[in-house]
């Protein structure tokens, strides 16, 4: 009887140090792969990018809440000036599996999209494209953009 008490007294501390699997380790492996891809995808997106089209300078910043902020100025205006337009709560949306993505901002039904063009058939293709779509779904602006500061 004493041997059983001593044996159980020794085993309880040993068993308490063993690692048990929690629910996150037992989760779906497909979900783990998707989360891994999302993490790698997010790592490729700069926290701040400044681009310039023929008519605009655009600055996109990642906010502490994970959303993006869009600010724009006239092409010849300094960024230190007050922005002509500010749109908050933008999202980044992956486009295909090649690394392309776009930022999307909604300003009273008008969509502002800034596309990142990693994969293209042309070496002359600009790295970014600004697309503005009105509330009727019509594209009203499409301008290529070059990086001013990344």
Protein backbone atom coordinates (compact mmCIF):
# COMPACT_ATOMS: atom_id res chain seq x y z
CA UNK A 1 0.00 0.00 0.00
CA UNK A 2 2.79 2.40 0.89
CA UNK A 3 4.54 1.56 -2.40
CA UNK A 4 1.38 2.59 -4.34
CA UNK A 5 1.16 5.90 -2.48
CA UNK A 6 4.85 6.68 -3.08
CA UNK A 7 4.58 5.64 -6.74
CA UNK A 8 1.54 7.82 -7.34
CA UNK A 9 3.19 10.74 -5.51
CA UNK A 10 6.15 10.47 -7.90
CA UNK A 11 4.04 10.08 -11.06
CA UNK A 12 1.69 13.04 -10.46
CA UNK A 13 4.44 15.68 -10.83
CA UNK A 14 5.88 13.90 -13.87
CA UNK A 15 2.53 13.72 -15.62
CA UNK A 16 1.79 17.36 -14.90
CA UNK A 17 4.87 18.40 -16.91
CA UNK A 18 3.92 16.48 -20.04
CA UNK A 19 2.73 18.57 -22.95
CA UNK A 20 -0.91 18.21 -23.85
CA UNK A 21 -2.28 19.22 -27.22
CA UNK A 22 -4.63 22.16 -27.21
CA UNK A 23 -7.37 22.77 -29.75
CA UNK A 24 -5.17 24.97 -31.94
CA UNK A 25 -2.76 22.08 -32.56
CA UNK A 26 -5.55 19.71 -33.54
CA UNK A 27 -7.12 22.15 -36.03
CA UNK A 28 -7.61 21.55 -39.71
CA UNK A 29 -4.25 21.25 -41.59
CA UNK A 30 -5.76 23.00 -44.63
CA UNK A 31 -6.56 25.98 -42.41
CA UNK A 32 -2.94 26.02 -41.18
CA UNK A 33 -1.68 26.14 -44.78
CA UNK A 34 -4.09 28.97 -45.62
CA UNK A 35 -3.00 30.92 -42.53
CA UNK A 36 0.64 30.37 -43.50
CA UNK A 37 -0.04 31.71 -47.02
CA UNK A 38 -1.90 34.72 -45.59
CA UNK A 39 1.04 35.48 -43.30
CA UNK A 40 3.53 35.28 -46.19
CA UNK A 41 1.18 37.39 -48.32
CA UNK A 42 0.92 40.05 -45.59
CA UNK A 43 4.72 40.14 -45.24
CA UNK A 44 5.07 41.25 -48.88
CA UNK A 45 2.79 44.26 -48.46
CA UNK A 46 4.62 47.42 -47.35
CA UNK A 47 3.28 49.28 -44.32
CA UNK A 48 3.53 52.54 -46.27
CA UNK A 49 3.72 53.14 -49.99
CA UNK A 50 3.75 56.44 -51.87
CA UNK A 51 3.00 56.39 -55.58
CA UNK A 52 2.59 59.04 -58.27
CA UNK A 53 0.33 59.01 -61.33
CA UNK A 54 0.09 61.74 -63.95
CA UNK A 55 -2.47 63.61 -61.84
CA UNK A 56 -2.08 62.38 -58.24
CA UNK A 57 0.28 61.49 -55.44
CA UNK A 58 -1.14 58.75 -53.25
CA UNK A 59 0.03 57.57 -49.86
CA UNK A 60 -1.30 54.33 -48.40
CA UNK A 61 -0.56 53.51 -44.75
CA UNK A 62 -1.36 50.45 -42.69
CA UNK A 63 -3.18 51.51 -39.53
CA UNK A 64 -2.84 49.92 -36.07
CA UNK A 65 -6.29 48.31 -36.49
CA UNK A 66 -5.06 46.43 -39.60
CA UNK A 67 -6.99 48.54 -42.12
CA UNK A 68 -5.42 50.96 -44.60
CA UNK A 69 -5.58 54.74 -44.96
CA UNK A 70 -5.66 56.41 -48.41
CA UNK A 71 -4.46 60.00 -48.78
CA UNK A 72 -4.11 61.84 -52.08
CA UNK A 73 -2.72 65.13 -53.34
CA UNK A 74 -2.31 66.75 -56.73
CA UNK A 75 0.72 65.41 -58.61
CA UNK A 76 2.74 68.59 -58.03
CA UNK A 77 1.73 69.10 -54.38
CA UNK A 78 4.09 68.22 -51.56
CA UNK A 79 3.01 65.42 -49.26
CA UNK A 80 3.66 67.66 -46.28
CA UNK A 81 0.61 69.71 -47.38
CA UNK A 82 -2.93 68.86 -46.28
CA UNK A 83 -4.29 65.94 -48.37
CA UNK A 84 -7.02 66.71 -50.90
CA UNK A 85 -8.73 63.43 -49.97
CA UNK A 86 -8.54 60.98 -47.07
CA UNK A 87 -10.33 57.62 -47.02
CA UNK A 88 -10.01 55.27 -44.05
CA UNK A 89 -10.86 51.62 -43.47
CA UNK A 90 -9.38 50.27 -46.69
CA UNK A 91 -8.68 46.60 -47.27
CA UNK A 92 -5.99 44.69 -49.08
CA UNK A 93 -7.33 42.00 -51.40
CA UNK A 94 -5.16 39.23 -52.90
CA UNK A 95 -5.46 38.73 -56.66
CA UNK A 96 -4.59 35.24 -57.80
CA UNK A 97 -1.68 33.13 -56.59
CA UNK A 98 1.20 35.08 -58.12
CA UNK A 99 1.51 37.76 -55.44
CA UNK A 100 -0.57 40.50 -57.02
CA UNK A 101 -3.00 42.35 -54.77
CA UNK A 102 -4.90 45.60 -54.57
CA UNK A 103 -5.94 48.06 -51.92
CA UNK A 104 -9.62 48.98 -51.98
CA UNK A 105 -11.21 52.05 -50.43
CA UNK A 106 -14.88 53.04 -50.50
CA UNK A 107 -15.73 56.74 -50.52
CA UNK A 108 -19.53 57.15 -50.54
CA UNK A 109 -20.02 54.42 -53.15
CA UNK A 110 -17.01 55.35 -55.29
CA UNK A 111 -14.31 52.67 -55.16
CA UNK A 112 -10.64 53.59 -55.21
CA UNK A 113 -8.41 50.66 -56.03
CA UNK A 114 -4.63 50.69 -56.11
CA UNK A 115 -3.38 47.56 -57.83
CA UNK A 116 0.08 46.10 -57.25
CA UNK A 117 1.31 44.55 -60.50
CA UNK A 118 3.99 41.94 -59.74
CA UNK A 119 3.17 39.72 -62.67
CA UNK A 120 2.78 41.26 -66.07
CA UNK A 121 3.55 40.43 -69.69
CA UNK A 122 5.33 43.74 -70.24
CA UNK A 123 8.55 45.07 -68.75
CA UNK A 124 7.13 48.55 -69.35
CA UNK A 125 4.13 47.93 -67.09
CA UNK A 126 4.05 50.23 -64.08
CA UNK A 127 4.32 48.60 -60.64
CA UNK A 128 1.00 50.15 -59.49
CA UNK A 129 -2.26 51.18 -61.15
CA UNK A 130 -4.92 53.52 -59.74
CA UNK A 131 -8.47 52.58 -60.72
CA UNK A 132 -11.50 54.65 -59.68
CA UNK A 133 -14.94 53.11 -60.16
CA UNK A 134 -18.10 55.17 -59.71
CA UNK A 135 -21.25 53.96 -57.96
CA UNK A 136 -22.65 52.70 -61.31
CA UNK A 137 -19.66 50.38 -61.82
CA UNK A 138 -18.07 52.55 -64.51
CA UNK A 139 -14.31 53.02 -64.49
CA UNK A 140 -13.73 56.77 -64.45
CA UNK A 141 -9.95 56.79 -63.82
CA UNK A 142 -7.24 54.30 -64.75
CA UNK A 143 -3.70 55.61 -64.38
CA UNK A 144 -0.39 53.81 -64.04
CA UNK A 145 1.73 54.83 -61.09
CA UNK A 146 5.38 54.73 -60.12
CA UNK A 147 6.70 54.29 -56.61
CA UNK A 148 7.95 57.51 -55.02
CA UNK A 149 8.73 55.95 -51.64
CA UNK A 150 8.23 52.41 -50.41
